[in-house]
Amino acid sequence: MWTKVPTEVQFSLKQLAYFVAAGEAGNVLKAAESIHVSQPSVSNAVAHLESVFKLQLFIRHHAQGMSMTTAGGAMPVTSTVEDSPTCMYQPQELQQFAETTDAYSNG
């Protein structure tokens, strides 16, 4: 098991936006291109969120891209794509989600 996420927020809206973009694109490079950032920025944001929540959010298929795990797909993060991606979240809701999800759930 893992310990609770401290009460201070250890992630940013930008990291959540990158997570949503990666989930929508199913590919880190395509996600980066769609939000006009570098590929390492998206990869690092996803890795950081996985570390903070101690959950595997994506299954990497190497050349075939990636797909969300059950935990990744269930993350209480919403995206509205109109003019630009927007992430809205409640830190307490994300913390509660992580606490009730099996550590490093892969699917």
Protein backbone atom coordinates (compact mmCIF):
# COMPACT_ATOMS: atom_id res chain seq x y z
CA MET A 1 0.00 0.00 0.00
CA TRP A 2 1.01 3.61 -0.21
CA THR A 3 0.77 6.55 2.11
CA LYS A 4 -1.66 9.43 1.80
CA VAL A 5 -0.92 12.34 -0.49
CA PRO A 6 0.01 15.29 1.74
CA THR A 7 -2.58 18.04 1.97
CA GLU A 8 -0.52 20.43 -0.17
CA VAL A 9 -1.13 19.97 -3.87
CA GLN A 10 1.82 18.24 -5.54
CA PHE A 11 0.69 18.70 -9.13
CA SER A 12 -0.42 21.54 -11.35
CA LEU A 13 -3.34 22.21 -13.65
CA LYS A 14 -0.83 22.14 -16.50
CA GLN A 15 0.18 18.58 -15.59
CA LEU A 16 -3.48 17.55 -15.47
CA ALA A 17 -4.07 19.21 -18.85
CA TYR A 18 -1.15 17.24 -20.31
CA PHE A 19 -2.58 14.03 -18.80
CA VAL A 20 -5.96 14.73 -20.44
CA ALA A 21 -4.32 15.53 -23.78
CA ALA A 22 -2.33 12.28 -23.66
CA GLY A 23 -5.47 10.33 -22.85
CA GLU A 24 -7.41 11.93 -25.68
CA ALA A 25 -4.60 11.46 -28.22
CA GLY A 26 -3.48 8.01 -27.09
CA ASN A 27 0.03 9.08 -28.00
CA VAL A 28 2.46 11.40 -26.19
CA LEU A 29 3.84 13.00 -29.36
CA LYS A 30 0.37 13.70 -30.79
CA ALA A 31 -0.73 15.09 -27.42
CA ALA A 32 2.30 17.38 -27.30
CA GLU A 33 1.66 18.59 -30.83
CA SER A 34 -2.02 19.24 -30.09
CA ILE A 35 -1.23 21.46 -27.10
CA HIS A 36 1.95 22.99 -28.58
CA VAL A 37 4.48 21.71 -26.04
CA SER A 38 7.42 19.33 -26.23
CA GLN A 39 6.98 15.57 -26.02
CA PRO A 40 9.15 15.35 -22.86
CA SER A 41 6.87 17.88 -21.14
CA VAL A 42 3.88 15.56 -21.60
CA SER A 43 5.85 12.44 -20.66
CA ASN A 44 7.23 14.10 -17.54
CA ALA A 45 3.80 15.38 -16.47
CA VAL A 46 2.26 11.92 -16.80
CA ALA A 47 5.17 10.31 -14.93
CA HIS A 48 4.88 12.92 -12.18
CA LEU A 49 1.15 12.29 -11.72
CA GLU A 50 1.75 8.54 -11.62
CA SER A 51 4.37 9.12 -8.94
CA VAL A 52 2.21 11.47 -6.86
CA PHE A 53 -0.84 9.22 -6.96
CA LYS A 54 1.17 5.98 -6.97
CA LEU A 55 -1.03 4.70 -9.78
CA GLN A 56 -0.21 3.53 -13.28
CA LEU A 57 -2.37 5.81 -15.44
CA PHE A 58 -1.32 4.53 -18.88
CA ILE A 59 -0.13 1.31 -20.45
CA ARG A 60 2.70 2.16 -22.83
CA HIS A 61 2.59 0.31 -26.14
CA HIS A 62 5.89 1.81 -27.34
CA ALA A 63 5.52 2.37 -31.10
CA GLN A 64 1.74 1.93 -30.94
CA GLY A 65 1.17 4.72 -28.43
CA MET A 66 -0.53 4.24 -25.09
CA SER A 67 -3.89 3.48 -23.55
CA MET A 68 -5.36 4.45 -20.22
CA THR A 69 -5.51 1.93 -17.43
CA THR A 70 -8.76 1.51 -15.53
CA ALA A 71 -7.35 3.89 -12.91
CA GLY A 72 -6.33 6.44 -15.55
CA GLY A 73 -9.74 6.36 -17.20
CA ALA A 74 -11.47 6.74 -13.86
CA MET A 75 -9.46 9.81 -12.77
CA PRO A 76 -11.95 12.51 -11.76
CA VAL A 77 -10.59 15.01 -14.27
CA THR A 78 -12.72 16.54 -16.98
CA SER A 79 -11.69 18.12 -20.23
CA THR A 80 -13.62 20.58 -22.33
CA VAL A 81 -12.10 21.10 -25.75
CA GLU A 82 -13.57 24.15 -27.42
CA ASP A 83 -10.92 26.76 -28.13
CA SER A 84 -8.32 25.17 -25.87
CA PRO A 85 -8.15 22.26 -23.42
CA THR A 86 -9.32 23.11 -19.93
CA CYS A 87 -8.86 20.96 -16.84
CA MET A 88 -11.09 21.34 -13.84
CA TYR A 89 -10.51 19.33 -10.71
CA GLN A 90 -11.01 19.18 -6.98
CA PRO A 91 -7.75 18.28 -5.17
CA GLN A 92 -9.62 16.49 -2.40
CA GLU A 93 -11.56 14.41 -4.94
CA LEU A 94 -8.33 13.37 -6.69
CA GLN A 95 -6.74 12.48 -3.35
CA GLN A 96 -9.77 10.42 -2.33
CA PHE A 97 -9.72 8.69 -5.72
CA ALA A 98 -6.07 7.77 -5.33
CA GLU A 99 -6.62 6.50 -1.78
CA THR A 100 -9.40 4.17 -2.85
CA THR A 101 -7.70 2.83 -5.99
CA ASP A 102 -5.28 -0.08 -5.83
CA ALA A 103 -1.66 1.06 -5.92
CA TYR A 104 -0.19 0.79 -9.41
CA SER A 105 -3.39 -0.63 -10.79
CA ASN A 106 -2.69 -1.60 -14.36
CA GLY A 107 -5.93 -2.23 -15.68
